Amino acid sequence: MAHLKTHSVEEKLIKPMNTTLCEIAEIRPGHPFRGTIAPVVDSNTYVVQVRDTDTSGEIRTDEMITTELTGRKQPDWLQQGDILFVAKGAKHFAACVKQLPVQTVCSPHFFIVRIKTENTATVLPEFISWQLNQIPAQRYFKTTAEGSMYVSIRRQVLEDVPITLPSIEKQAQLVALHASAVKEQKMLQKLITNRQQLLDAIALDILTN
């Protein structure tokens, strides 16, 4: 009996914790731009737009624009470890901030998810970003989305999304596995593109000469 009791306690210790996003993170809206975001070439303020993110959870910085901020609201500069969640549009997914210029904001199409200070030792933002892109969370968003053509996710809905928290070691393993998968996907896509360009060049040479 003593053995069974010890085993039960160990299982309880390693069992993932179930919670909601608002219990572990603060959620705030993106910068309140009004209308189209105008590019300003000589500005030091960058902006992340939906087109700069992809469903793999990455932010592409090569085509980010610079702009001028107007209005009285103090900019909420993005920080490393912030999670940007696309709340408006056809797809709802998360991307994690890694390295961005110091003065960078995001458009109002996003919610900014920032892990609470007291949870940073037990929660990896990359893991939360990954989890928001997985099937269980995506099903939850699909059943709670509002609108037909231009679908949006309300802040309350995002706050209440169920989150599963395994150990920090398990989170790190899953994040590393995901990073490897994304890297392999990019390499394969590059090979496919190179092969297609080669075939196009061969076809052009044979069929036009």
Protein backbone atom coordinates (compact mmCIF):
# COMPACT_ATOMS: atom_id res chain seq x y z
CA MET A 1 0.00 0.00 0.00
CA ALA A 2 2.88 2.33 0.88
CA HIS A 3 4.32 1.80 -2.60
CA LEU A 4 0.98 2.57 -4.27
CA LYS A 5 0.59 5.75 -2.24
CA THR A 6 4.09 7.00 -3.23
CA HIS A 7 3.44 6.23 -6.88
CA SER A 8 0.21 8.19 -6.79
CA VAL A 9 1.96 11.28 -5.38
CA GLU A 10 4.63 11.11 -8.10
CA GLU A 11 1.99 10.91 -10.79
CA LYS A 12 0.29 13.95 -9.32
CA LEU A 13 3.56 15.89 -9.37
CA ILE A 14 4.23 15.27 -13.05
CA LYS A 15 0.64 15.72 -14.20
CA PRO A 16 0.27 18.79 -16.45
CA MET A 17 -1.62 21.71 -14.91
CA ASN A 18 -4.76 22.95 -16.61
CA THR A 19 -5.51 26.66 -16.48
CA THR A 20 -6.65 29.55 -18.67
CA LEU A 21 -4.52 32.09 -20.50
CA CYS A 22 -5.56 35.03 -18.28
CA GLU A 23 -4.31 33.19 -15.19
CA ILE A 24 -0.74 33.15 -16.45
CA ALA A 25 -0.53 36.14 -18.81
CA GLU A 26 -1.63 39.73 -19.32
CA ILE A 27 -3.50 40.44 -22.53
CA ARG A 28 -3.65 43.87 -24.11
CA PRO A 29 -4.63 45.27 -27.54
CA GLY A 30 -2.19 46.27 -30.26
CA HIS A 31 -1.43 49.93 -30.98
CA PRO A 32 -4.62 51.85 -31.94
CA PHE A 33 -3.73 52.94 -35.46
CA ARG A 34 -6.62 54.54 -37.29
CA GLY A 35 -6.95 53.46 -40.89
CA THR A 36 -4.06 52.44 -43.10
CA ILE A 37 -0.61 52.48 -41.50
CA ALA A 38 1.44 54.90 -43.57
CA PRO A 39 5.12 54.03 -44.13
CA VAL A 40 7.61 56.73 -43.07
CA VAL A 41 11.09 55.96 -44.37
CA ASP A 42 13.19 58.04 -41.96
CA SER A 43 11.38 56.96 -38.76
CA ASN A 44 12.85 54.71 -36.03
CA THR A 45 9.47 53.25 -35.12
CA TYR A 46 8.69 49.83 -36.60
CA VAL A 47 5.32 48.13 -36.77
CA VAL A 48 4.46 44.42 -37.01
CA GLN A 49 1.47 43.77 -39.24
CA VAL A 50 -0.33 40.48 -39.88
CA ARG A 51 1.52 40.11 -43.18
CA ASP A 52 4.80 40.01 -41.21
CA THR A 53 3.74 36.85 -39.35
CA ASP A 54 3.00 33.29 -40.40
CA THR A 55 1.20 30.27 -39.00
CA SER A 56 4.49 28.61 -38.04
CA GLY A 57 4.69 31.17 -35.23
CA GLU A 58 7.46 33.33 -36.66
CA ILE A 59 7.72 37.07 -37.28
CA ARG A 60 9.44 38.08 -40.54
CA THR A 61 11.36 41.31 -40.03
CA ASP A 62 12.68 41.78 -43.57
CA GLU A 63 9.57 43.59 -44.84
CA MET A 64 8.46 45.39 -41.69
CA ILE A 65 7.77 49.06 -42.31
CA THR A 66 8.66 52.12 -40.22
CA THR A 67 6.00 54.67 -39.39
CA GLU A 68 5.12 57.65 -37.16
CA LEU A 69 2.84 57.18 -34.15
CA THR A 70 0.12 59.75 -33.58
CA GLY A 71 -2.29 60.32 -30.71
CA ARG A 72 -1.78 60.61 -26.97
CA LYS A 73 -1.45 56.93 -26.12
CA GLN A 74 2.00 55.97 -24.93
CA PRO A 75 3.37 53.23 -27.21
CA ASP A 76 3.44 49.75 -25.73
CA TRP A 77 6.80 48.69 -27.18
CA LEU A 78 7.02 44.98 -27.89
CA GLN A 79 9.35 42.96 -25.68
CA GLN A 80 11.22 39.73 -26.27
CA GLY A 81 8.90 36.91 -25.19
CA ASP A 82 5.68 38.74 -26.07
CA ILE A 83 3.18 36.65 -27.99
CA LEU A 84 1.27 38.32 -30.82
CA PHE A 85 -2.13 36.74 -31.43
CA VAL A 86 -3.93 37.51 -34.70
CA ALA A 87 -7.46 38.27 -33.54
CA LYS A 88 -8.99 39.58 -36.77
CA GLY A 89 -9.08 37.94 -40.17
CA ALA A 90 -9.51 34.51 -41.72
CA LYS A 91 -6.86 32.80 -39.58
CA HIS A 92 -6.17 33.17 -35.88
CA PHE A 93 -2.70 32.21 -34.78
CA ALA A 94 0.12 33.24 -32.50
CA ALA A 95 3.73 34.29 -33.12
CA CYS A 96 6.42 34.83 -30.52
CA VAL A 97 8.62 37.95 -30.40
CA LYS A 98 12.34 37.12 -30.40
CA GLN A 99 14.51 39.89 -31.80
CA LEU A 100 12.89 43.12 -32.92
CA PRO A 101 14.08 46.74 -33.04
CA VAL A 102 13.66 48.49 -29.66
CA GLN A 103 10.88 50.78 -30.86
CA THR A 104 8.41 48.32 -32.34
CA VAL A 105 4.64 48.18 -31.92
CA CYS A 106 2.03 45.91 -33.51
CA SER A 107 -1.13 46.77 -35.41
CA PRO A 108 -4.58 46.60 -33.75
CA HIS A 109 -5.26 43.29 -35.52
CA PHE A 110 -3.24 41.66 -32.73
CA PHE A 111 -3.61 41.06 -29.04
CA ILE A 112 -0.33 41.17 -27.11
CA VAL A 113 0.03 38.28 -24.65
CA ARG A 114 2.74 38.88 -22.02
CA ILE A 115 3.54 36.18 -19.45
CA LYS A 116 3.05 37.54 -15.91
CA THR A 117 6.30 38.13 -14.03
CA GLU A 118 5.44 35.60 -11.32
CA ASN A 119 5.06 32.88 -13.99
CA THR A 120 8.19 33.42 -16.07
CA ALA A 121 10.06 30.65 -14.23
CA THR A 122 7.43 28.03 -15.06
CA VAL A 123 5.97 29.15 -18.40
CA LEU A 124 7.80 29.49 -21.73
CA PRO A 125 6.18 32.05 -24.07
CA GLU A 126 7.30 29.99 -27.08
CA PHE A 127 5.36 27.03 -25.68
CA ILE A 128 2.21 29.11 -25.16
CA SER A 129 2.52 30.49 -28.70
CA TRP A 130 2.90 26.94 -30.04
CA GLN A 131 -0.07 25.70 -28.01
CA LEU A 132 -2.35 28.48 -29.31
CA ASN A 133 -1.64 27.22 -32.84
CA GLN A 134 -2.52 23.60 -32.10
CA ILE A 135 -5.80 21.84 -32.91
CA PRO A 136 -7.50 22.05 -29.46
CA ALA A 137 -7.06 25.84 -29.20
CA GLN A 138 -7.91 26.34 -32.88
CA ARG A 139 -11.15 24.38 -32.40
CA TYR A 140 -11.97 26.56 -29.40
CA PHE A 141 -11.42 29.74 -31.42
CA LYS A 142 -13.48 28.41 -34.34
CA THR A 143 -16.48 27.74 -32.11
CA THR A 144 -16.28 31.15 -30.42
CA ALA A 145 -15.37 33.40 -33.37
CA GLU A 146 -17.75 36.23 -34.26
CA GLY A 147 -18.68 37.39 -37.76
CA SER A 148 -18.91 35.54 -41.07
CA MET A 149 -16.67 37.29 -43.62
CA TYR A 150 -14.35 39.17 -41.24
CA VAL A 151 -14.03 36.89 -38.26
CA SER A 152 -12.74 38.22 -34.96
CA ILE A 153 -11.81 36.81 -31.58
CA ARG A 154 -12.88 38.88 -28.57
CA ARG A 155 -10.41 39.60 -25.78
CA GLN A 156 -12.54 37.68 -23.25
CA VAL A 157 -12.49 34.62 -25.52
CA LEU A 158 -8.70 34.72 -25.72
CA GLU A 159 -8.41 35.22 -21.96
CA ASP A 160 -10.53 32.12 -21.35
CA VAL A 161 -8.76 29.77 -23.78
CA PRO A 162 -7.82 26.56 -21.91
CA ILE A 163 -4.07 26.11 -21.43
CA THR A 164 -2.22 22.95 -20.43
CA LEU A 165 1.09 23.43 -18.63
CA PRO A 166 3.49 20.50 -18.44
CA SER A 167 6.83 20.84 -16.68
CA ILE A 168 9.22 23.55 -17.90
CA GLU A 169 11.52 20.80 -19.20
CA LYS A 170 8.70 19.29 -21.26
CA GLN A 171 7.79 22.74 -22.59
CA ALA A 172 11.40 23.28 -23.68
CA GLN A 173 11.46 19.88 -25.44
CA LEU A 174 8.30 20.67 -27.40
CA VAL A 175 9.58 24.14 -28.34
CA ALA A 176 12.85 22.63 -29.62
CA LEU A 177 10.96 19.95 -31.58
CA HIS A 178 8.76 22.60 -33.18
CA ALA A 179 11.81 24.73 -34.10
CA SER A 180 13.41 21.71 -35.80
CA ALA A 181 10.22 21.00 -37.74
CA VAL A 182 10.00 24.61 -38.96
CA LYS A 183 13.68 24.53 -40.00
CA GLU A 184 13.17 21.28 -41.96
CA GLN A 185 10.07 22.71 -43.61
CA LYS A 186 12.04 25.77 -44.80
CA MET A 187 14.85 23.59 -46.18
CA LEU A 188 12.38 21.38 -48.06
CA GLN A 189 10.57 24.40 -49.46
CA LYS A 190 13.88 25.86 -50.65
CA LEU A 191 14.74 22.56 -52.40
CA ILE A 192 11.32 22.47 -54.07
CA THR A 193 11.70 26.08 -55.24
CA ASN A 194 15.23 25.47 -56.59
CA ARG A 195 14.12 22.33 -58.44
CA GLN A 196 11.15 24.14 -59.99
CA GLN A 197 13.39 27.03 -61.13
CA LEU A 198 15.76 24.51 -62.72
CA LEU A 199 12.90 22.79 -64.55
CA ASP A 200 11.54 26.16 -65.71
CA ALA A 201 14.96 27.11 -67.11
CA ILE A 202 15.30 23.74 -68.91
CA ALA A 203 11.81 24.03 -70.37
CA LEU A 204 12.48 27.58 -71.56
CA ASP A 205 15.74 26.52 -73.19
CA ILE A 206 14.30 23.45 -74.96
CA LEU A 207 10.95 24.84 -76.01
CA THR A 208 12.07 28.25 -77.30
CA ASN A 209 15.30 27.32 -79.11
